[in-house]
Amino acid sequence: MSLNAAKKKHFRAIGHNLNPVVIVADKGLTDSVVEETLRALNDHELIKIKFAIGDREVRQHMISELISATNSDLIQTIGKIALIFKAADKPNPALSNLLRVQG
């Protein structure tokens, strides 16, 4: 799904106050990391992920792999933090970061 600039700007504003819900460390992208990311995206739609990896090129490669594995959209990366979005089939108003901000 391609997002326009205004939508990305809105998501960045919402994401500013979020904390990372998934942390990718030395073992990299394991199946459990991908599963947890999918669960978090299904619950929250917009999440931050922290990549505790020092090498910038490896980190960017892992972000790209995670985006393709979860079929989500990259909104922004700042340092070791990535903000990603995937629309939920049936968003839960109590959990969705997008619906909680709107209402």
PDB file of N, CA and C in Angstrom:
ATOM      1  N   MET A   1       0.845  -1.174   0.000  1.00  0.00           N
ATOM      2  CA  MET A   1       0.000   0.000   0.000  1.00  0.00           C
ATOM      3  C   MET A   1       0.885   1.230   0.000  1.00  0.00           C
ATOM      4  N   SER A   2       0.643   2.122  -0.913  1.00  0.00           N
ATOM      5  CA  SER A   2       1.423   3.342  -1.019  1.00  0.00           C
ATOM      6  C   SER A   2       0.718   4.462  -0.260  1.00  0.00           C
ATOM      7  N   LEU A   3       1.467   5.111   0.610  1.00  0.00           N
ATOM      8  CA  LEU A   3       0.914   6.203   1.411  1.00  0.00           C
ATOM      9  C   LEU A   3       1.390   7.535   0.857  1.00  0.00           C
ATOM     10  N   ASN A   4       0.512   8.522   0.868  1.00  0.00           N
ATOM     11  CA  ASN A   4       0.918   9.843   0.397  1.00  0.00           C
ATOM     12  C   ASN A   4       1.663  10.585   1.506  1.00  0.00           C
ATOM     13  N   ALA A   5       2.256  11.710   1.158  1.00  0.00           N
ATOM     14  CA  ALA A   5       3.094  12.462   2.090  1.00  0.00           C
ATOM     15  C   ALA A   5       2.302  12.977   3.289  1.00  0.00           C
ATOM     16  N   ALA A   6       1.075  13.407   3.072  1.00  0.00           N
ATOM     17  CA  ALA A   6       0.260  13.934   4.175  1.00  0.00           C
ATOM     18  C   ALA A   6      -0.065  12.836   5.187  1.00  0.00           C
ATOM     19  N   LYS A   7      -0.357  11.639   4.689  1.00  0.00           N
ATOM     20  CA  LYS A   7      -0.670  10.517   5.576  1.00  0.00           C
ATOM     21  C   LYS A   7       0.567  10.123   6.383  1.00  0.00           C
ATOM     22  N   LYS A   8       1.732  10.094   5.727  1.00  0.00           N
ATOM     23  CA  LYS A   8       2.967   9.765   6.435  1.00  0.00           C
ATOM     24  C   LYS A   8       3.275  10.808   7.506  1.00  0.00           C
ATOM     25  N   LYS A   9       3.038  12.074   7.195  1.00  0.00           N
ATOM     26  CA  LYS A   9       3.272  13.142   8.167  1.00  0.00           C
ATOM     27  C   LYS A   9       2.364  12.961   9.377  1.00  0.00           C
ATOM     28  N   HIS A  10       1.107  12.611   9.138  1.00  0.00           N
ATOM     29  CA  HIS A  10       0.157  12.364  10.224  1.00  0.00           C
ATOM     30  C   HIS A  10       0.618  11.176  11.074  1.00  0.00           C
ATOM     31  N   PHE A  11       1.076  10.109  10.434  1.00  0.00           N
ATOM     32  CA  PHE A  11       1.554   8.934  11.161  1.00  0.00           C
ATOM     33  C   PHE A  11       2.817   9.246  11.961  1.00  0.00           C
ATOM     34  N   ARG A  12       3.706  10.077  11.409  1.00  0.00           N
ATOM     35  CA  ARG A  12       4.906  10.475  12.152  1.00  0.00           C
ATOM     36  C   ARG A  12       4.534  11.249  13.410  1.00  0.00           C
ATOM     37  N   ALA A  13       3.532  12.108  13.311  1.00  0.00           N
ATOM     38  CA  ALA A  13       3.083  12.880  14.473  1.00  0.00           C
ATOM     39  C   ALA A  13       2.522  11.951  15.553  1.00  0.00           C
ATOM     40  N   ILE A  14       1.747  10.956  15.146  1.00  0.00           N
ATOM     41  CA  ILE A  14       1.214   9.989  16.109  1.00  0.00           C
ATOM     42  C   ILE A  14       2.352   9.156  16.701  1.00  0.00           C
ATOM     43  N   GLY A  15       3.274   8.736  15.855  1.00  0.00           N
ATOM     44  CA  GLY A  15       4.372   7.879  16.278  1.00  0.00           C
ATOM     45  C   GLY A  15       5.367   8.541  17.203  1.00  0.00           C
ATOM     46  N   HIS A  16       5.377   9.859  17.234  1.00  0.00           N
ATOM     47  CA  HIS A  16       6.323  10.585  18.084  1.00  0.00           C
ATOM     48  C   HIS A  16       6.206  10.157  19.546  1.00  0.00           C
ATOM     49  N   ASN A  17       5.005   9.929  20.028  1.00  0.00           N
ATOM     50  CA  ASN A  17       4.787   9.596  21.435  1.00  0.00           C
ATOM     51  C   ASN A  17       4.784   8.100  21.725  1.00  0.00           C
ATOM     52  N   LEU A  18       5.003   7.276  20.726  1.00  0.00           N
ATOM     53  CA  LEU A  18       4.986   5.827  20.929  1.00  0.00           C
ATOM     54  C   LEU A  18       6.334   5.321  21.421  1.00  0.00           C
ATOM     55  N   ASN A  19       6.300   4.222  22.149  1.00  0.00           N
ATOM     56  CA  ASN A  19       7.511   3.526  22.566  1.00  0.00           C
ATOM     57  C   ASN A  19       7.677   2.282  21.698  1.00  0.00           C
ATOM     58  N   PRO A  20       8.924   1.827  21.500  1.00  0.00           N
ATOM     59  CA  PRO A  20       9.128   0.606  20.716  1.00  0.00           C
ATOM     60  C   PRO A  20       8.445  -0.593  21.372  1.00  0.00           C
ATOM     61  N   VAL A  21       7.744  -1.383  20.578  1.00  0.00           N
ATOM     62  CA  VAL A  21       7.070  -2.576  21.098  1.00  0.00           C
ATOM     63  C   VAL A  21       7.799  -3.857  20.706  1.00  0.00           C
ATOM     64  N   VAL A  22       8.709  -3.765  19.755  1.00  0.00           N
ATOM     65  CA  VAL A  22       9.518  -4.906  19.337  1.00  0.00           C
ATOM     66  C   VAL A  22      10.964  -4.438  19.302  1.00  0.00           C
ATOM     67  N   ILE A  23      11.869  -5.287  19.807  1.00  0.00           N
ATOM     68  CA  ILE A  23      13.297  -4.973  19.774  1.00  0.00           C
ATOM     69  C   ILE A  23      14.008  -6.099  19.042  1.00  0.00           C
ATOM     70  N   VAL A  24      14.758  -5.736  18.012  1.00  0.00           N
ATOM     71  CA  VAL A  24      15.546  -6.698  17.244  1.00  0.00           C
ATOM     72  C   VAL A  24      16.988  -6.544  17.701  1.00  0.00           C
ATOM     73  N   ALA A  25      17.582  -7.641  18.196  1.00  0.00           N
ATOM     74  CA  ALA A  25      18.936  -7.581  18.741  1.00  0.00           C
ATOM     75  C   ALA A  25      19.889  -8.451  17.920  1.00  0.00           C
ATOM     76  N   ASP A  26      20.888  -8.998  18.584  1.00  0.00           N
ATOM     77  CA  ASP A  26      21.987  -9.715  17.930  1.00  0.00           C
ATOM     78  C   ASP A  26      21.549 -10.871  17.038  1.00  0.00           C
ATOM     79  N   LYS A  27      20.504 -11.589  17.426  1.00  0.00           N
ATOM     80  CA  LYS A  27      20.082 -12.757  16.643  1.00  0.00           C
ATOM     81  C   LYS A  27      19.387 -12.374  15.349  1.00  0.00           C
ATOM     82  N   GLY A  28      19.064 -11.106  15.190  1.00  0.00           N
ATOM     83  CA  GLY A  28      18.472 -10.638  13.944  1.00  0.00           C
ATOM     84  C   GLY A  28      17.000 -10.967  13.826  1.00  0.00           C
ATOM     85  N   LEU A  29      16.565 -11.140  12.595  1.00  0.00           N
ATOM     86  CA  LEU A  29      15.149 -11.388  12.317  1.00  0.00           C
ATOM     87  C   LEU A  29      14.842 -12.877  12.400  1.00  0.00           C
ATOM     88  N   THR A  30      14.445 -13.313  13.563  1.00  0.00           N
ATOM     89  CA  THR A  30      14.030 -14.699  13.738  1.00  0.00           C
ATOM     90  C   THR A  30      12.539 -14.800  13.434  1.00  0.00           C
ATOM     91  N   ASP A  31      12.057 -16.018  13.350  1.00  0.00           N
ATOM     92  CA  ASP A  31      10.626 -16.225  13.103  1.00  0.00           C
ATOM     93  C   ASP A  31       9.780 -15.607  14.207  1.00  0.00           C
ATOM     94  N   SER A  32      10.270 -15.712  15.448  1.00  0.00           N
ATOM     95  CA  SER A  32       9.494 -15.163  16.563  1.00  0.00           C
ATOM     96  C   SER A  32       9.429 -13.642  16.514  1.00  0.00           C
ATOM     97  N   VAL A  33      10.480 -12.994  16.034  1.00  0.00           N
ATOM     98  CA  VAL A  33      10.462 -11.530  15.895  1.00  0.00           C
ATOM     99  C   VAL A  33       9.440 -11.123  14.837  1.00  0.00           C
ATOM    100  N   VAL A  34       9.413 -11.837  13.728  1.00  0.00           N
ATOM    101  CA  VAL A  34       8.446 -11.531  12.666  1.00  0.00           C
ATOM    102  C   VAL A  34       7.022 -11.779  13.160  1.00  0.00           C
ATOM    103  N   GLU A  35       6.806 -12.884  13.876  1.00  0.00           N
ATOM    104  CA  GLU A  35       5.475 -13.181  14.416  1.00  0.00           C
ATOM    105  C   GLU A  35       5.025 -12.114  15.405  1.00  0.00           C
ATOM    106  N   GLU A  36       5.919 -11.696  16.292  1.00  0.00           N
ATOM    107  CA  GLU A  36       5.571 -10.668  17.279  1.00  0.00           C
ATOM    108  C   GLU A  36       5.286  -9.335  16.595  1.00  0.00           C
ATOM    109  N   THR A  37       6.036  -9.028  15.549  1.00  0.00           N
ATOM    110  CA  THR A  37       5.792  -7.800  14.794  1.00  0.00           C
ATOM    111  C   THR A  37       4.422  -7.848  14.127  1.00  0.00           C
ATOM    112  N   LEU A  38       4.076  -8.978  13.535  1.00  0.00           N
ATOM    113  CA  LEU A  38       2.755  -9.126  12.915  1.00  0.00           C
ATOM    114  C   LEU A  38       1.636  -8.998  13.946  1.00  0.00           C
ATOM    115  N   ARG A  39       1.831  -9.589  15.134  1.00  0.00           N
ATOM    116  CA  ARG A  39       0.832  -9.479  16.190  1.00  0.00           C
ATOM    117  C   ARG A  39       0.676  -8.030  16.626  1.00  0.00           C
ATOM    118  N   ALA A  40       1.800  -7.328  16.816  1.00  0.00           N
ATOM    119  CA  ALA A  40       1.751  -5.926  17.234  1.00  0.00           C
ATOM    120  C   ALA A  40       1.109  -5.054  16.158  1.00  0.00           C
ATOM    121  N   LEU A  41       1.418  -5.319  14.897  1.00  0.00           N
ATOM    122  CA  LEU A  41       0.798  -4.555  13.809  1.00  0.00           C
ATOM    123  C   LEU A  41      -0.703  -4.812  13.736  1.00  0.00           C
ATOM    124  N   ASN A  42      -1.107  -6.048  13.966  1.00  0.00           N
ATOM    125  CA  ASN A  42      -2.529  -6.369  13.945  1.00  0.00           C
ATOM    126  C   ASN A  42      -3.268  -5.663  15.087  1.00  0.00           C
ATOM    127  N   ASP A  43      -2.624  -5.571  16.244  1.00  0.00           N
ATOM    128  CA  ASP A  43      -3.243  -4.908  17.395  1.00  0.00           C
ATOM    129  C   ASP A  43      -3.202  -3.390  17.286  1.00  0.00           C
ATOM    130  N   HIS A  44      -2.030  -2.847  16.945  1.00  0.00           N
ATOM    131  CA  HIS A  44      -1.802  -1.403  17.048  1.00  0.00           C
ATOM    132  C   HIS A  44      -1.761  -0.654  15.718  1.00  0.00           C
ATOM    133  N   GLU A  45      -1.542  -1.336  14.631  1.00  0.00           N
ATOM    134  CA  GLU A  45      -1.458  -0.780  13.273  1.00  0.00           C
ATOM    135  C   GLU A  45      -0.209   0.065  13.039  1.00  0.00           C
ATOM    136  N   LEU A  46       0.140   0.931  13.943  1.00  0.00           N
ATOM    137  CA  LEU A  46       1.316   1.798  13.813  1.00  0.00           C
ATOM    138  C   LEU A  46       2.220   1.510  15.001  1.00  0.00           C
ATOM    139  N   ILE A  47       3.446   1.007  14.733  1.00  0.00           N
ATOM    140  CA  ILE A  47       4.340   0.633  15.829  1.00  0.00           C
ATOM    141  C   ILE A  47       5.757   1.121  15.565  1.00  0.00           C
ATOM    142  N   LYS A  48       6.508   1.230  16.663  1.00  0.00           N
ATOM    143  CA  LYS A  48       7.936   1.505  16.588  1.00  0.00           C
ATOM    144  C   LYS A  48       8.683   0.210  16.874  1.00  0.00           C
ATOM    145  N   ILE A  49       9.787   0.028  16.156  1.00  0.00           N
ATOM    146  CA  ILE A  49      10.649  -1.125  16.359  1.00  0.00           C
ATOM    147  C   ILE A  49      12.062  -0.614  16.565  1.00  0.00           C
ATOM    148  N   LYS A  50      12.725  -1.121  17.604  1.00  0.00           N
ATOM    149  CA  LYS A  50      14.104  -0.732  17.871  1.00  0.00           C
ATOM    150  C   LYS A  50      15.032  -1.823  17.350  1.00  0.00           C
ATOM    151  N   PHE A  51      16.033  -1.419  16.605  1.00  0.00           N
ATOM    152  CA  PHE A  51      17.041  -2.331  16.079  1.00  0.00           C
ATOM    153  C   PHE A  51      18.336  -2.077  16.840  1.00  0.00           C
ATOM    154  N   ALA A  52      18.663  -2.955  17.792  1.00  0.00           N
ATOM    155  CA  ALA A  52      19.848  -2.798  18.631  1.00  0.00           C
ATOM    156  C   ALA A  52      21.058  -3.404  17.923  1.00  0.00           C
ATOM    157  N   ILE A  53      21.350  -2.865  16.754  1.00  0.00           N
ATOM    158  CA  ILE A  53      22.440  -3.353  15.907  1.00  0.00           C
ATOM    159  C   ILE A  53      23.279  -2.148  15.512  1.00  0.00           C
ATOM    160  N   GLY A  54      24.585  -2.249  15.699  1.00  0.00           N
ATOM    161  CA  GLY A  54      25.456  -1.105  15.485  1.00  0.00           C
ATOM    162  C   GLY A  54      25.709  -0.752  14.026  1.00  0.00           C
ATOM    163  N   ASP A  55      25.857  -1.737  13.165  1.00  0.00           N
ATOM    164  CA  ASP A  55      26.195  -1.493  11.766  1.00  0.00           C
ATOM    165  C   ASP A  55      24.988  -0.947  11.003  1.00  0.00           C
ATOM    166  N   ARG A  56      25.140   0.232  10.445  1.00  0.00           N
ATOM    167  CA  ARG A  56      24.037   0.921   9.763  1.00  0.00           C
ATOM    168  C   ARG A  56      23.523   0.142   8.554  1.00  0.00           C
ATOM    169  N   GLU A  57      24.426  -0.405   7.756  1.00  0.00           N
ATOM    170  CA  GLU A  57      24.006  -1.137   6.557  1.00  0.00           C
ATOM    171  C   GLU A  57      23.235  -2.406   6.913  1.00  0.00           C
ATOM    172  N   VAL A  58      23.704  -3.124   7.927  1.00  0.00           N
ATOM    173  CA  VAL A  58      23.002  -4.334   8.378  1.00  0.00           C
ATOM    174  C   VAL A  58      21.632  -3.960   8.921  1.00  0.00           C
ATOM    175  N   ARG A  59      21.572  -2.868   9.669  1.00  0.00           N
ATOM    176  CA  ARG A  59      20.301  -2.404  10.234  1.00  0.00           C
ATOM    177  C   ARG A  59      19.309  -2.057   9.125  1.00  0.00           C
ATOM    178  N   GLN A  60      19.740  -1.326   8.113  1.00  0.00           N
ATOM    179  CA  GLN A  60      18.857  -0.964   7.000  1.00  0.00           C
ATOM    180  C   GLN A  60      18.389  -2.203   6.236  1.00  0.00           C
ATOM    181  N   HIS A  61      19.281  -3.174   6.092  1.00  0.00           N
ATOM    182  CA  HIS A  61      18.909  -4.421   5.419  1.00  0.00           C
ATOM    183  C   HIS A  61      17.846  -5.171   6.225  1.00  0.00           C
ATOM    184  N   MET A  62      18.006  -5.221   7.551  1.00  0.00           N
ATOM    185  CA  MET A  62      17.021  -5.896   8.401  1.00  0.00           C
ATOM    186  C   MET A  62      15.674  -5.185   8.378  1.00  0.00           C
ATOM    187  N   ILE A  63      15.692  -3.860   8.343  1.00  0.00           N
ATOM    188  CA  ILE A  63      14.440  -3.103   8.254  1.00  0.00           C
ATOM    189  C   ILE A  63      13.724  -3.456   6.954  1.00  0.00           C
ATOM    190  N   SER A  64      14.469  -3.488   5.853  1.00  0.00           N
ATOM    191  CA  SER A  64      13.867  -3.844   4.559  1.00  0.00           C
ATOM    192  C   SER A  64      13.293  -5.258   4.574  1.00  0.00           C
ATOM    193  N   GLU A  65      14.030  -6.195   5.173  1.00  0.00           N
ATOM    194  CA  GLU A  65      13.548  -7.576   5.259  1.00  0.00           C
ATOM    195  C   GLU A  65      12.278  -7.666   6.089  1.00  0.00           C
ATOM    196  N   LEU A  66      12.241  -6.944   7.216  1.00  0.00           N
ATOM    197  CA  LEU A  66      11.065  -6.987   8.085  1.00  0.00           C
ATOM    198  C   LEU A  66       9.853  -6.364   7.404  1.00  0.00           C
ATOM    199  N   ILE A  67      10.069  -5.284   6.674  1.00  0.00           N
ATOM    200  CA  ILE A  67       8.973  -4.631   5.950  1.00  0.00           C
ATOM    201  C   ILE A  67       8.386  -5.599   4.917  1.00  0.00           C
ATOM    202  N   SER A  68       9.247  -6.285   4.185  1.00  0.00           N
ATOM    203  CA  SER A  68       8.740  -7.217   3.173  1.00  0.00           C
ATOM    204  C   SER A  68       8.124  -8.463   3.816  1.00  0.00           C
ATOM    205  N   ALA A  69       8.682  -8.937   4.931  1.00  0.00           N
ATOM    206  CA  ALA A  69       8.143 -10.132   5.591  1.00  0.00           C
ATOM    207  C   ALA A  69       6.771  -9.878   6.201  1.00  0.00           C
ATOM    208  N   THR A  70       6.532  -8.648   6.649  1.00  0.00           N
ATOM    209  CA  THR A  70       5.250  -8.324   7.286  1.00  0.00           C
ATOM    210  C   THR A  70       4.285  -7.642   6.329  1.00  0.00           C
ATOM    211  N   ASN A  71       4.745  -7.335   5.115  1.00  0.00           N
ATOM    212  CA  ASN A  71       3.921  -6.644   4.121  1.00  0.00           C
ATOM    213  C   ASN A  71       3.377  -5.326   4.679  1.00  0.00           C
ATOM    214  N   SER A  72       4.263  -4.572   5.324  1.00  0.00           N
ATOM    215  CA  SER A  72       3.876  -3.305   5.942  1.00  0.00           C
ATOM    216  C   SER A  72       4.567  -2.150   5.223  1.00  0.00           C
ATOM    217  N   ASP A  73       4.268  -0.930   5.668  1.00  0.00           N
ATOM    218  CA  ASP A  73       4.857   0.273   5.080  1.00  0.00           C
ATOM    219  C   ASP A  73       5.800   0.929   6.070  1.00  0.00           C
ATOM    220  N   LEU A  74       6.975   1.307   5.586  1.00  0.00           N
ATOM    221  CA  LEU A  74       7.922   2.049   6.410  1.00  0.00           C
ATOM    222  C   LEU A  74       7.531   3.515   6.379  1.00  0.00           C
ATOM    223  N   ILE A  75       7.289   4.085   7.550  1.00  0.00           N
ATOM    224  CA  ILE A  75       6.924   5.489   7.649  1.00  0.00           C
ATOM    225  C   ILE A  75       8.169   6.340   7.839  1.00  0.00           C
ATOM    226  N   GLN A  76       9.061   5.900   8.746  1.00  0.00           N
ATOM    227  CA  GLN A  76      10.224   6.719   9.069  1.00  0.00           C
ATOM    228  C   GLN A  76      11.259   5.881   9.808  1.00  0.00           C
ATOM    229  N   THR A  77      12.529   6.212   9.616  1.00  0.00           N
ATOM    230  CA  THR A  77      13.587   5.668  10.457  1.00  0.00           C
ATOM    231  C   THR A  77      14.385   6.827  11.016  1.00  0.00           C
ATOM    232  N   ILE A  78      14.657   6.755  12.290  1.00  0.00           N
ATOM    233  CA  ILE A  78      15.538   7.722  12.949  1.00  0.00           C
ATOM    234  C   ILE A  78      16.499   6.908  13.800  1.00  0.00           C
ATOM    235  N   GLY A  79      17.769   6.933  13.431  1.00  0.00           N
ATOM    236  CA  GLY A  79      18.760   6.164  14.177  1.00  0.00           C
ATOM    237  C   GLY A  79      18.432   4.685  14.144  1.00  0.00           C
ATOM    238  N   LYS A  80      18.222   4.121  15.328  1.00  0.00           N
ATOM    239  CA  LYS A  80      17.951   2.689  15.442  1.00  0.00           C
ATOM    240  C   LYS A  80      16.467   2.370  15.571  1.00  0.00           C
ATOM    241  N   ILE A  81      15.613   3.367  15.371  1.00  0.00           N
ATOM    242  CA  ILE A  81      14.169   3.195  15.526  1.00  0.00           C
ATOM    243  C   ILE A  81      13.484   3.292  14.163  1.00  0.00           C
ATOM    244  N   ALA A  82      12.606   2.327  13.886  1.00  0.00           N
ATOM    245  CA  ALA A  82      11.796   2.349  12.663  1.00  0.00           C
ATOM    246  C   ALA A  82      10.329   2.449  13.052  1.00  0.00           C
ATOM    247  N   LEU A  83       9.595   3.280  12.342  1.00  0.00           N
ATOM    248  CA  LEU A  83       8.153   3.428  12.534  1.00  0.00           C
ATOM    249  C   LEU A  83       7.486   2.778  11.335  1.00  0.00           C
ATOM    250  N   ILE A  84       6.657   1.742  11.587  1.00  0.00           N
ATOM    251  CA  ILE A  84       6.019   1.034  10.483  1.00  0.00           C
ATOM    252  C   ILE A  84       4.508   0.971  10.684  1.00  0.00           C
ATOM    253  N   PHE A  85       3.807   0.815   9.565  1.00  0.00           N
ATOM    254  CA  PHE A  85       2.345   0.817   9.558  1.00  0.00           C
ATOM    255  C   PHE A  85       1.823  -0.332   8.716  1.00  0.00           C
ATOM    256  N   LYS A  86       0.770  -0.955   9.216  1.00  0.00           N
ATOM    257  CA  LYS A  86       0.013  -1.929   8.433  1.00  0.00           C
ATOM    258  C   LYS A  86      -1.427  -1.855   8.916  1.00  0.00           C
ATOM    259  N   ALA A  87      -2.333  -1.594   7.997  1.00  0.00           N
ATOM    260  CA  ALA A  87      -3.746  -1.481   8.357  1.00  0.00           C
ATOM    261  C   ALA A  87      -4.280  -2.838   8.803  1.00  0.00           C
ATOM    262  N   ALA A  88      -5.004  -2.844   9.908  1.00  0.00           N
ATOM    263  CA  ALA A  88      -5.604  -4.072  10.427  1.00  0.00           C
ATOM    264  C   ALA A  88      -6.915  -4.356   9.698  1.00  0.00           C
ATOM    265  N   ASP A  89      -7.248  -5.634   9.583  1.00  0.00           N
ATOM    266  CA  ASP A  89      -8.517  -6.014   8.956  1.00  0.00           C
ATOM    267  C   ASP A  89      -9.698  -5.510   9.775  1.00  0.00           C
ATOM    268  N   LYS A  90      -9.644  -5.742  11.080  1.00  0.00           N
ATOM    269  CA  LYS A  90     -10.685  -5.272  12.002  1.00  0.00           C
ATOM    270  C   LYS A  90      -9.997  -4.571  13.166  1.00  0.00           C
ATOM    271  N   PRO A  91      -9.719  -3.270  13.050  1.00  0.00           N
ATOM    272  CA  PRO A  91      -9.007  -2.572  14.120  1.00  0.00           C
ATOM    273  C   PRO A  91      -9.813  -2.521  15.418  1.00  0.00           C
ATOM    274  N   ASN A  92      -9.116  -2.744  16.516  1.00  0.00           N
ATOM    275  CA  ASN A  92      -9.714  -2.675  17.846  1.00  0.00           C
ATOM    276  C   ASN A  92      -9.550  -1.247  18.367  1.00  0.00           C
ATOM    277  N   PRO A  93     -10.633  -0.533  18.633  1.00  0.00           N
ATOM    278  CA  PRO A  93     -10.522   0.861  19.081  1.00  0.00           C
ATOM    279  C   PRO A  93      -9.739   1.031  20.382  1.00  0.00           C
ATOM    280  N   ALA A  94      -9.708   0.003  21.207  1.00  0.00           N
ATOM    281  CA  ALA A  94      -8.978   0.096  22.467  1.00  0.00           C
ATOM    282  C   ALA A  94      -7.478  -0.076  22.274  1.00  0.00           C
ATOM    283  N   LEU A  95      -7.053  -0.730  21.196  1.00  0.00           N
ATOM    284  CA  LEU A  95      -5.640  -1.018  20.978  1.00  0.00           C
ATOM    285  C   LEU A  95      -5.006  -0.212  19.853  1.00  0.00           C
ATOM    286  N   SER A  96      -5.742   0.105  18.831  1.00  0.00           N
ATOM    287  CA  SER A  96      -5.189   0.769  17.656  1.00  0.00           C
ATOM    288  C   SER A  96      -4.672   2.161  18.001  1.00  0.00           C
ATOM    289  N   ASN A  97      -3.405   2.404  17.700  1.00  0.00           N
ATOM    290  CA  ASN A  97      -2.823   3.725  17.950  1.00  0.00           C
ATOM    291  C   ASN A  97      -3.491   4.794  17.098  1.00  0.00           C
ATOM    292  N   LEU A  98      -3.989   4.431  15.935  1.00  0.00           N
ATOM    293  CA  LEU A  98      -4.637   5.401  15.055  1.00  0.00           C
ATOM    294  C   LEU A  98      -6.023   5.775  15.558  1.00  0.00           C
ATOM    295  N   LEU A  99      -6.796   4.791  15.984  1.00  0.00           N
ATOM    296  CA  LEU A  99      -8.156   5.059  16.449  1.00  0.00           C
ATOM    297  C   LEU A  99      -8.175   5.745  17.811  1.00  0.00           C
ATOM    298  N   ARG A 100      -7.198   5.442  18.656  1.00  0.00           N
ATOM    299  CA  ARG A 100      -7.151   6.087  19.974  1.00  0.00           C
ATOM    300  C   ARG A 100      -6.857   7.570  19.849  1.00  0.00           C
ATOM    301  N   VAL A 101      -6.050   7.953  18.882  1.00  0.00           N
ATOM    302  CA  VAL A 101      -5.719   9.369  18.687  1.00  0.00           C
ATOM    303  C   VAL A 101      -6.906  10.117  18.107  1.00  0.00           C
ATOM    304  N   GLN A 102      -7.630   9.495  17.183  1.00  0.00           N
ATOM    305  CA  GLN A 102      -8.768  10.153  16.539  1.00  0.00           C
ATOM    306  C   GLN A 102      -9.938  10.341  17.487  1.00  0.00           C
ATOM    307  N   GLY A 103     -10.175   9.392  18.360  1.00  0.00           N
ATOM    308  CA  GLY A 103     -11.374   9.472  19.165  1.00  0.00           C
ATOM    309  C   GLY A 103     -11.071   9.428  20.594  1.00  0.00           C
TER     310      GLY A 103
END
